[in-house]
């Protein structure tokens, strides 16, 4: 890493001064020789290790389903437990329990939501839960605590290439659908419950006391995982009018929505070659679970370097401004050849990871930051960590907790609002990345920390 002192021209310095109220009060007592912009990248390299994480916290509305083994990655098993949001109204006009024909569970997904061999046959078993899912929800949840293997609702063989295509009403892209026929007795049970106790259907919480949900697990097959984008339970039935005329209809009884408890159950056995690389000191990021980096970030050294500038004696120092602090980490192409790097990484103290996700926090750009993967540069760059450094300084200086930084793969959801004047994008949620398996090696040896600060001296 190199150290650069850059003296900008008076024109540039005036432009900088015009952007900061604290600087503009200096007035005519400054000239070009009294302002120095310093860019310093001579820091101890960040170091760290890969920590195996067997569980993450968080609900999901897009569960993963399948089994997948990849060289240099490992063997991932995915199933999920979920409750349901019930419909508020069930059609009972001209309908009886005897005119209910079939109850079908639909699992929808797009072509881009699949990883692995689309031809591999798999068998999914669906069990009825015995009790409601309790929070907090972690992906190492033990499904056996929630269901009895005797309560098997259905077992279905599927291969994604054999499933039918339908046009989505939202974006007209083709999606595939896994259709699982459930016992008609369950449909009649739900129908009769609605007729007797419709208030139970008023909320997912009351409904869960009657129907706690299901557990879905792959019991046969390997080579594919699917990110499910929609889970619906639909009844097909006949409605008979007063004249005896029959009409075939369908109605969605329930579905998985963000309001209900739904959690993936993940297991991962890392590949032997990956374990060997980790033992040799290489740094990896895996998802949905697996190895994640815990870095020793040189927070104390950065603060010391900045304070050296504050204590400089070359003239009477008026003010120092910490303009920015960037942290760029090169990424090494995935060794499996099929996995993409996580789209985003979260920079956060290791001690605060659980609290961040449990309380559904958003990056505040003081204690937590996120960076997108740059495909062109093949790197993650946290562009301005200066508020983190200043906050640590204001709280008495760096502690070991301030130097133990975890990089967590995340999924970022945003909402864009457009009005007459401008367009703004607001982040609405940050969750652990579970869309599909991902992996990347981080080149910590060539990571670069760059501090940029302004020194203003009197004449």
Protein backbone atom coordinates (compact mmCIF):
# COMPACT_ATOMS: atom_id res chain seq x y z
CA UNK A 1 0.00 0.00 0.00
CA UNK A 2 1.25 3.53 -0.78
CA UNK A 3 1.08 6.95 0.84
CA UNK A 4 0.12 9.97 -1.27
CA UNK A 5 0.10 13.67 -0.31
CA UNK A 6 -1.84 15.66 -2.88
CA UNK A 7 -1.80 19.47 -2.84
CA UNK A 8 -4.77 20.70 -4.82
CA UNK A 9 -4.96 24.03 -6.55
CA UNK A 10 -6.67 27.00 -4.93
CA UNK A 11 -9.64 26.60 -7.24
CA UNK A 12 -10.27 23.04 -6.02
CA UNK A 13 -9.77 24.02 -2.40
CA UNK A 14 -12.28 26.82 -2.68
CA UNK A 15 -14.77 24.38 -4.13
CA UNK A 16 -14.27 22.09 -1.15
CA UNK A 17 -14.59 24.97 1.27
CA UNK A 18 -17.84 26.03 -0.33
CA UNK A 19 -19.34 22.64 0.49
CA UNK A 20 -18.71 22.81 4.25
CA UNK A 21 -20.16 25.53 6.48
CA UNK A 22 -17.43 25.02 9.07
CA UNK A 23 -14.78 25.75 6.46
CA UNK A 24 -16.39 28.82 4.95
CA UNK A 25 -16.12 30.70 8.26
CA UNK A 26 -12.33 30.82 7.87
CA UNK A 27 -12.63 33.56 5.29
CA UNK A 28 -9.69 35.36 3.74
CA UNK A 29 -7.15 34.15 6.31
CA UNK A 30 -6.50 31.06 4.16
CA UNK A 31 -4.52 30.72 1.00
CA UNK A 32 -3.56 27.80 -1.19
CA UNK A 33 -0.65 26.86 1.07
CA UNK A 34 -2.86 26.46 4.14
CA UNK A 35 -5.13 23.68 2.86
CA UNK A 36 -3.92 20.13 2.33
CA UNK A 37 -5.97 17.22 1.04
CA UNK A 38 -4.36 13.98 2.17
CA UNK A 39 -5.08 10.52 0.84
CA UNK A 40 -3.45 7.83 2.94
CA UNK A 41 -3.60 4.11 2.24
CA UNK A 42 -0.60 2.92 4.28
CA UNK A 43 -2.43 0.80 6.83
CA UNK A 44 -1.90 -2.62 8.24
CA UNK A 45 -3.78 -4.98 6.00
CA UNK A 46 -7.11 -6.22 7.23
CA UNK A 47 -6.81 -9.84 8.24
CA UNK A 48 -9.31 -12.44 9.29
CA UNK A 49 -10.63 -15.95 9.09
CA UNK A 50 -13.59 -17.88 7.73
CA UNK A 51 -16.05 -18.87 10.45
CA UNK A 52 -18.52 -21.66 9.75
CA UNK A 53 -22.06 -20.48 10.39
CA UNK A 54 -24.60 -23.29 10.54
CA UNK A 55 -27.65 -21.07 11.04
CA UNK A 56 -29.03 -17.63 10.26
CA UNK A 57 -32.00 -15.79 11.63
CA UNK A 58 -34.95 -14.55 9.67
CA UNK A 59 -38.31 -15.31 8.11
CA UNK A 60 -38.72 -15.89 4.41
CA UNK A 61 -41.50 -15.67 1.86
CA UNK A 62 -39.31 -17.20 -0.88
CA UNK A 63 -38.26 -20.56 0.57
CA UNK A 64 -35.60 -22.83 -0.89
CA UNK A 65 -36.43 -26.42 -1.69
CA UNK A 66 -34.04 -29.11 -2.87
CA UNK A 67 -30.68 -30.82 -2.40
CA UNK A 68 -27.47 -29.84 -4.17
CA UNK A 69 -23.88 -31.09 -4.13
CA UNK A 70 -21.17 -28.99 -5.76
CA UNK A 71 -17.43 -29.56 -5.85
CA UNK A 72 -15.54 -26.93 -3.82
CA UNK A 73 -18.83 -25.87 -2.18
CA UNK A 74 -20.38 -28.83 -0.40
CA UNK A 75 -23.74 -30.53 0.04
CA UNK A 76 -26.72 -28.33 0.83
CA UNK A 77 -30.10 -29.62 1.97
CA UNK A 78 -33.10 -27.30 2.08
CA UNK A 79 -36.70 -27.64 3.23
CA UNK A 80 -39.06 -25.26 4.97
CA UNK A 81 -41.78 -24.88 7.56
CA UNK A 82 -44.57 -22.40 7.01
CA UNK A 83 -47.86 -21.14 8.33
CA UNK A 84 -50.50 -19.70 6.00
CA UNK A 85 -52.50 -16.54 5.51
CA UNK A 86 -56.13 -17.71 5.16
CA UNK A 87 -58.75 -16.19 2.89
CA UNK A 88 -61.30 -14.05 4.69
CA UNK A 89 -64.17 -15.49 2.67
CA UNK A 90 -64.87 -18.95 1.33
CA UNK A 91 -67.57 -19.47 -1.28
CA UNK A 92 -70.38 -21.46 0.33
CA UNK A 93 -73.25 -20.56 -2.03
CA UNK A 94 -74.40 -23.78 -3.60
CA UNK A 95 -71.32 -25.53 -2.19
CA UNK A 96 -71.20 -28.42 0.25
CA UNK A 97 -68.40 -30.58 1.55
CA UNK A 98 -69.50 -33.22 -0.95
CA UNK A 99 -69.10 -30.89 -3.96
CA UNK A 100 -65.46 -30.18 -3.14
CA UNK A 101 -63.43 -32.01 -5.79
CA UNK A 102 -59.73 -31.54 -5.02
CA UNK A 103 -57.29 -29.51 -2.92
CA UNK A 104 -53.98 -28.66 -4.63
CA UNK A 105 -50.82 -27.06 -3.25
CA UNK A 106 -49.02 -24.93 -5.86
CA UNK A 107 -45.34 -24.01 -5.66
CA UNK A 108 -44.45 -21.36 -8.28
CA UNK A 109 -40.98 -20.30 -9.40
CA UNK A 110 -39.28 -18.58 -12.33
CA UNK A 111 -36.64 -20.16 -14.57
CA UNK A 112 -33.97 -17.94 -13.02
CA UNK A 113 -34.87 -19.24 -9.54
CA UNK A 114 -33.36 -22.67 -10.11
CA UNK A 115 -29.80 -23.87 -9.63
CA UNK A 116 -28.62 -27.29 -10.74
CA UNK A 117 -29.91 -30.07 -12.96
CA UNK A 118 -33.48 -29.36 -14.07
CA UNK A 119 -33.91 -32.98 -15.22
CA UNK A 120 -33.12 -34.62 -11.89
CA UNK A 121 -36.26 -36.24 -10.39
CA UNK A 122 -37.03 -35.38 -6.79
CA UNK A 123 -39.62 -36.38 -4.22
CA UNK A 124 -41.10 -33.80 -1.87
CA UNK A 125 -42.94 -34.90 1.26
CA UNK A 126 -45.46 -32.55 2.85
CA UNK A 127 -46.36 -32.95 6.50
CA UNK A 128 -49.01 -31.24 8.59
CA UNK A 129 -47.57 -29.40 11.59
CA UNK A 130 -48.73 -30.33 15.09
CA UNK A 131 -48.13 -26.92 16.63
CA UNK A 132 -47.51 -23.33 15.68
CA UNK A 133 -44.03 -22.14 14.75
CA UNK A 134 -42.43 -20.14 17.56
CA UNK A 135 -40.09 -17.16 17.26
CA UNK A 136 -37.26 -16.28 16.96
CA UNK A 137 -36.77 -18.30 13.81
CA UNK A 138 -33.37 -19.78 12.95
CA UNK A 139 -32.54 -21.97 9.97
CA UNK A 140 -31.14 -24.77 12.16
CA UNK A 141 -34.68 -25.26 13.47
CA UNK A 142 -35.50 -28.89 14.26
CA UNK A 143 -38.56 -29.75 12.15
CA UNK A 144 -39.24 -32.87 14.24
CA UNK A 145 -40.30 -30.60 17.08
CA UNK A 146 -43.22 -29.40 14.95
CA UNK A 147 -44.54 -32.44 13.09
CA UNK A 148 -45.18 -36.15 13.39
CA UNK A 149 -43.95 -38.28 10.45
CA UNK A 150 -47.29 -40.08 10.60
CA UNK A 151 -49.05 -36.84 9.56
CA UNK A 152 -47.96 -37.08 5.93
CA UNK A 153 -50.31 -35.09 3.72
CA UNK A 154 -48.72 -35.92 0.38
CA UNK A 155 -45.63 -37.28 -1.38
CA UNK A 156 -44.99 -35.97 -4.88
CA UNK A 157 -42.38 -36.74 -7.53
CA UNK A 158 -41.39 -33.82 -9.71
CA UNK A 159 -38.78 -32.71 -12.21
CA UNK A 160 -38.75 -29.04 -13.04
CA UNK A 161 -38.44 -29.65 -16.79
CA UNK A 162 -41.66 -31.64 -16.66
CA UNK A 163 -43.69 -28.95 -14.92
CA UNK A 164 -46.04 -26.78 -16.98
CA UNK A 165 -45.47 -23.17 -17.94
CA UNK A 166 -47.90 -20.37 -17.24
CA UNK A 167 -47.77 -16.66 -17.94
CA UNK A 168 -47.45 -14.45 -14.88
CA UNK A 169 -50.07 -11.71 -14.78
CA UNK A 170 -47.50 -9.33 -13.32
CA UNK A 171 -44.68 -9.34 -15.84
CA UNK A 172 -45.66 -11.96 -18.45
CA UNK A 173 -42.52 -13.95 -17.83
CA UNK A 174 -42.98 -17.71 -17.91
CA UNK A 175 -42.93 -19.44 -14.56
CA UNK A 176 -43.11 -23.06 -13.58
CA UNK A 177 -45.47 -24.66 -11.12
CA UNK A 178 -45.11 -27.74 -8.95
CA UNK A 179 -48.62 -29.06 -8.26
CA UNK A 180 -49.18 -31.36 -5.30
CA UNK A 181 -52.59 -32.89 -4.73
CA UNK A 182 -53.53 -32.91 -1.05
CA UNK A 183 -56.15 -35.09 0.66
CA UNK A 184 -59.68 -33.87 -0.06
CA UNK A 185 -60.41 -34.57 3.61
CA UNK A 186 -58.20 -31.63 4.52
CA UNK A 187 -60.14 -29.39 2.14
CA UNK A 188 -63.44 -30.48 3.67
CA UNK A 189 -62.06 -29.94 7.16
CA UNK A 190 -61.12 -26.36 6.26
CA UNK A 191 -64.48 -25.75 4.57
CA UNK A 192 -66.46 -27.03 7.54
CA UNK A 193 -64.34 -25.03 9.98
CA UNK A 194 -65.08 -21.87 8.03
CA UNK A 195 -68.83 -22.52 8.16
CA UNK A 196 -68.73 -23.16 11.91
CA UNK A 197 -66.05 -20.65 13.03
CA UNK A 198 -65.46 -17.98 10.36
CA UNK A 199 -63.76 -15.70 12.89
CA UNK A 200 -60.77 -18.05 12.96
CA UNK A 201 -60.05 -16.98 9.38
CA UNK A 202 -59.79 -13.31 10.36
CA UNK A 203 -56.02 -13.46 11.01
CA UNK A 204 -53.10 -15.83 10.43
CA UNK A 205 -52.58 -16.08 14.20
CA UNK A 206 -56.06 -17.39 14.96
CA UNK A 207 -56.00 -19.59 11.86
CA UNK A 208 -52.72 -21.19 13.02
CA UNK A 209 -54.49 -22.50 16.13
CA UNK A 210 -56.65 -24.58 13.78
CA UNK A 211 -54.12 -25.32 11.01
CA UNK A 212 -50.52 -24.68 12.21
CA UNK A 213 -49.01 -25.11 8.74
CA UNK A 214 -46.85 -27.59 6.83
CA UNK A 215 -43.29 -28.83 6.59
CA UNK A 216 -41.88 -29.61 3.13
CA UNK A 217 -38.76 -31.70 2.69
CA UNK A 218 -36.97 -33.44 -0.17
CA UNK A 219 -36.79 -37.16 0.63
CA UNK A 220 -35.31 -38.34 -2.67
CA UNK A 221 -33.08 -36.75 -5.29
CA UNK A 222 -30.05 -34.50 -5.43
CA UNK A 223 -28.75 -31.93 -7.87
CA UNK A 224 -31.14 -28.98 -7.71
CA UNK A 225 -32.45 -26.25 -5.43
CA UNK A 226 -35.41 -24.03 -6.26
CA UNK A 227 -36.24 -20.60 -4.87
CA UNK A 228 -40.03 -20.78 -4.51
CA UNK A 229 -41.75 -17.47 -5.29
CA UNK A 230 -45.31 -18.42 -4.41
CA UNK A 231 -47.00 -21.01 -2.18
CA UNK A 232 -50.79 -21.35 -2.55
CA UNK A 233 -53.43 -23.87 -1.53
CA UNK A 234 -56.35 -23.89 -3.98
CA UNK A 235 -59.67 -25.72 -3.81
CA UNK A 236 -61.38 -26.99 -6.99
CA UNK A 237 -65.11 -27.47 -6.45
CA UNK A 238 -68.60 -27.47 -7.96
CA UNK A 239 -71.28 -24.93 -7.17
CA UNK A 240 -74.87 -26.07 -7.75
CA UNK A 241 -77.62 -23.44 -8.14
CA UNK A 242 -81.31 -23.75 -7.21
CA UNK A 243 -82.11 -25.23 -10.62
CA UNK A 244 -79.54 -27.95 -10.23
CA UNK A 245 -77.05 -26.47 -12.68
CA UNK A 246 -73.42 -27.21 -11.78
CA UNK A 247 -70.45 -24.88 -12.33
CA UNK A 248 -66.79 -25.86 -11.91
CA UNK A 249 -64.87 -23.25 -9.92
CA UNK A 250 -61.63 -22.79 -8.03
CA UNK A 251 -60.74 -20.68 -5.02
CA UNK A 252 -57.46 -20.05 -3.18
CA UNK A 253 -57.99 -21.00 0.44
CA UNK A 254 -54.62 -19.83 1.75
CA UNK A 255 -51.12 -18.68 0.82
CA UNK A 256 -47.71 -17.78 2.23
CA UNK A 257 -47.32 -14.03 2.78
CA UNK A 258 -44.84 -11.82 4.70
CA UNK A 259 -47.25 -11.68 7.65
CA UNK A 260 -46.93 -15.37 8.53
CA UNK A 261 -44.09 -17.36 10.07
CA UNK A 262 -42.12 -19.17 7.37
CA UNK A 263 -38.58 -20.43 7.85
CA UNK A 264 -36.07 -22.44 5.83
CA UNK A 265 -34.39 -25.46 7.33
CA UNK A 266 -30.81 -25.64 6.04
CA UNK A 267 -28.04 -28.20 6.41
CA UNK A 268 -24.61 -27.84 4.80
CA UNK A 269 -21.57 -30.08 4.74
CA UNK A 270 -18.65 -28.10 3.25
CA UNK A 271 -16.60 -29.77 0.54
CA UNK A 272 -13.29 -31.25 1.77
CA UNK A 273 -11.29 -29.02 -0.59
CA UNK A 274 -13.06 -25.95 0.78
CA UNK A 275 -12.32 -26.98 4.34
CA UNK A 276 -8.65 -27.43 3.39
CA UNK A 277 -8.49 -23.97 1.83
CA UNK A 278 -10.06 -22.43 4.93
CA UNK A 279 -7.52 -24.20 7.16
CA UNK A 280 -4.80 -22.62 5.02
CA UNK A 281 -6.18 -19.16 5.73
CA UNK A 282 -8.31 -18.39 2.69
CA UNK A 283 -11.39 -16.23 3.24
CA UNK A 284 -14.78 -17.24 1.83
CA UNK A 285 -18.34 -16.00 1.82
CA UNK A 286 -21.00 -18.68 1.40
CA UNK A 287 -24.77 -18.57 1.40
CA UNK A 288 -27.33 -19.38 2.56
CA UNK A 289 -25.19 -20.75 5.39
CA UNK A 290 -21.57 -21.81 5.58
CA UNK A 291 -18.31 -19.90 5.83
CA UNK A 292 -18.44 -16.18 6.52
CA UNK A 293 -15.53 -13.77 7.08
CA UNK A 294 -14.69 -12.31 10.46
CA UNK A 295 -12.09 -9.61 9.85
CA UNK A 296 -9.63 -7.87 12.09
CA UNK A 297 -10.28 -4.36 10.82
CA UNK A 298 -7.49 -1.90 11.84
CA UNK A 299 -9.86 0.61 13.45
CA UNK A 300 -7.34 1.59 16.12
CA UNK A 301 -4.55 2.19 13.59
CA UNK A 302 -6.84 4.31 11.42
CA UNK A 303 -7.77 6.46 14.39
CA UNK A 304 -4.11 6.77 15.40
CA UNK A 305 -3.18 7.88 11.88
CA UNK A 306 -5.90 10.50 11.86
CA UNK A 307 -4.90 11.78 15.30
CA UNK A 308 -1.31 12.15 14.10
CA UNK A 309 -2.62 14.58 11.54
CA UNK A 310 -4.55 16.45 14.21
CA UNK A 311 -1.39 16.78 16.30
CA UNK A 312 0.84 17.95 13.43
CA UNK A 313 2.86 21.08 14.21
CA UNK A 314 3.45 22.49 10.74
CA UNK A 315 1.67 25.79 11.39
CA UNK A 316 -1.27 26.57 13.63
CA UNK A 317 -3.86 23.93 12.84
CA UNK A 318 -7.39 25.34 12.50
CA UNK A 319 -9.37 22.29 11.49
CA UNK A 320 -9.12 18.75 10.17
CA UNK A 321 -12.00 17.14 8.33
CA UNK A 322 -12.25 13.41 7.77
CA UNK A 323 -13.75 13.39 4.29
CA UNK A 324 -14.04 9.68 3.59
CA UNK A 325 -12.72 6.24 4.39
CA UNK A 326 -13.14 3.48 1.82
CA UNK A 327 -12.55 -0.24 2.13
CA UNK A 328 -12.27 -2.20 -1.12
CA UNK A 329 -11.97 -5.99 -1.20
CA UNK A 330 -11.11 -7.85 -4.42
CA UNK A 331 -13.12 -11.00 -5.10
CA UNK A 332 -11.81 -14.19 -6.67
CA UNK A 333 -13.97 -16.05 -9.18
CA UNK A 334 -16.02 -18.87 -7.71
CA UNK A 335 -14.16 -22.16 -7.68
CA UNK A 336 -17.30 -24.17 -8.45
CA UNK A 337 -17.80 -22.43 -11.79
CA UNK A 338 -21.58 -22.12 -11.32
CA UNK A 339 -22.15 -19.98 -8.24
CA UNK A 340 -22.39 -16.20 -8.34
CA UNK A 341 -20.93 -13.97 -5.62
CA UNK A 342 -23.51 -12.64 -3.15
CA UNK A 343 -25.05 -9.45 -4.54
CA UNK A 344 -24.38 -7.49 -1.33
CA UNK A 345 -22.24 -7.73 1.80
CA UNK A 346 -23.03 -6.16 5.17
CA UNK A 347 -20.17 -4.59 7.16
CA UNK A 348 -21.04 -4.88 10.86
CA UNK A 349 -19.46 -5.65 14.22
CA UNK A 350 -19.60 -9.38 14.86
CA UNK A 351 -21.26 -8.74 18.22
CA UNK A 352 -24.17 -6.91 16.57
CA UNK A 353 -25.11 -9.37 13.80
CA UNK A 354 -27.85 -11.23 15.68
CA UNK A 355 -29.45 -8.06 17.00
CA UNK A 356 -29.38 -6.45 13.56
CA UNK A 357 -31.41 -9.18 11.89
CA UNK A 358 -33.60 -10.03 14.89
CA UNK A 359 -34.76 -6.41 15.14
CA UNK A 360 -35.04 -6.06 11.35
CA UNK A 361 -32.69 -3.09 11.29
CA UNK A 362 -31.47 -1.24 8.22
CA UNK A 363 -27.89 -0.11 7.58
CA UNK A 364 -27.49 3.21 9.44
CA UNK A 365 -24.09 4.13 7.89
CA UNK A 366 -22.62 4.49 11.36
CA UNK A 367 -22.61 0.98 12.81
CA UNK A 368 -23.56 -0.95 9.70
CA UNK A 369 -22.89 -0.47 5.99
CA UNK A 370 -23.50 -2.44 2.82
CA UNK A 371 -21.66 -2.77 -0.48
CA UNK A 372 -22.77 -4.17 -3.82
CA UNK A 373 -20.65 -6.57 -5.82
CA UNK A 374 -19.08 -4.77 -8.78
CA UNK A 375 -18.88 -7.26 -11.65
CA UNK A 376 -16.54 -5.07 -13.70
CA UNK A 377 -14.04 -4.48 -10.89
CA UNK A 378 -14.72 -7.86 -9.27
CA UNK A 379 -14.72 -6.27 -5.87
CA UNK A 380 -16.85 -5.07 -2.97
CA UNK A 381 -16.22 -1.45 -1.98
CA UNK A 382 -17.55 0.16 1.19
CA UNK A 383 -17.23 3.71 -0.04
CA UNK A 384 -17.42 5.74 3.16
CA UNK A 385 -16.80 4.23 6.59
CA UNK A 386 -15.74 7.57 8.11
CA UNK A 387 -18.90 7.85 10.31
CA UNK A 388 -17.93 4.50 11.84
CA UNK A 389 -14.44 5.79 12.70
CA UNK A 390 -15.72 9.12 14.06
CA UNK A 391 -18.31 7.34 16.20
CA UNK A 392 -15.63 5.07 17.69
CA UNK A 393 -13.46 8.13 18.40
CA UNK A 394 -16.34 9.92 20.09
CA UNK A 395 -16.94 6.90 22.31
CA UNK A 396 -13.44 6.77 23.73
CA UNK A 397 -11.45 4.97 21.05
CA UNK A 398 -11.22 1.53 19.51
CA UNK A 399 -11.95 -1.60 21.50
CA UNK A 400 -11.51 -5.21 20.35
CA UNK A 401 -15.24 -5.20 19.55
CA UNK A 402 -14.70 -2.32 17.10
CA UNK A 403 -12.08 -4.34 15.20
CA UNK A 404 -14.00 -7.64 14.95
CA UNK A 405 -16.00 -7.04 11.76
CA UNK A 406 -18.21 -9.60 10.07
CA UNK A 407 -19.12 -9.52 6.39
CA UNK A 408 -22.56 -11.06 5.93
CA UNK A 409 -24.17 -11.85 2.55
CA UNK A 410 -27.48 -10.02 2.43
CA UNK A 411 -30.50 -9.41 0.26
CA UNK A 412 -31.49 -5.76 -0.08
CA UNK A 413 -35.07 -4.76 -0.89
CA UNK A 414 -35.77 -1.19 -1.94
CA UNK A 415 -38.70 0.94 -2.99
CA UNK A 416 -38.52 3.69 -5.59
CA UNK A 417 -40.81 6.72 -5.37
CA UNK A 418 -41.19 9.23 -8.18
CA UNK A 419 -42.83 12.63 -7.89
CA UNK A 420 -42.85 15.83 -9.94
CA UNK A 421 -39.44 16.92 -8.66
CA UNK A 422 -37.29 13.80 -8.33
CA UNK A 423 -36.99 10.06 -7.91
CA UNK A 424 -35.89 8.59 -4.60
CA UNK A 425 -35.00 5.04 -3.68
CA UNK A 426 -35.44 3.89 -0.10
CA UNK A 427 -34.21 0.62 1.36
CA UNK A 428 -37.14 -1.17 2.98
CA UNK A 429 -35.53 -4.37 4.26
CA UNK A 430 -32.22 -6.15 4.65
CA UNK A 431 -32.23 -9.91 5.25
CA UNK A 432 -29.65 -12.69 5.13
CA UNK A 433 -29.16 -13.78 1.53
CA UNK A 434 -31.13 -16.97 0.88
CA UNK A 435 -32.29 -16.57 -2.72
CA UNK A 436 -29.95 -19.27 -4.08
CA UNK A 437 -26.60 -20.74 -3.01
CA UNK A 438 -23.69 -18.37 -3.64
CA UNK A 439 -19.98 -18.28 -2.87
CA UNK A 440 -16.97 -16.07 -3.38
CA UNK A 441 -13.38 -15.97 -2.14
CA UNK A 442 -12.20 -12.62 -0.81
CA UNK A 443 -8.64 -11.50 -1.52
CA UNK A 444 -8.01 -9.88 1.84
CA UNK A 445 -4.26 -9.65 1.16
CA UNK A 446 -4.92 -7.08 -1.57
CA UNK A 447 -7.77 -5.29 0.18
CA UNK A 448 -7.26 -1.54 0.29
CA UNK A 449 -8.20 0.94 3.02
CA UNK A 450 -8.02 4.56 1.94
CA UNK A 451 -8.51 7.56 4.22
CA UNK A 452 -9.09 11.05 2.80
CA UNK A 453 -8.93 14.07 5.07
CA UNK A 454 -8.50 17.85 4.79
CA UNK A 455 -6.02 19.84 6.91
CA UNK A 456 -6.46 23.62 7.14
CA UNK A 457 -3.69 25.71 8.70
CA UNK A 458 -3.44 29.37 9.54
CA UNK A 459 -0.70 31.46 7.92
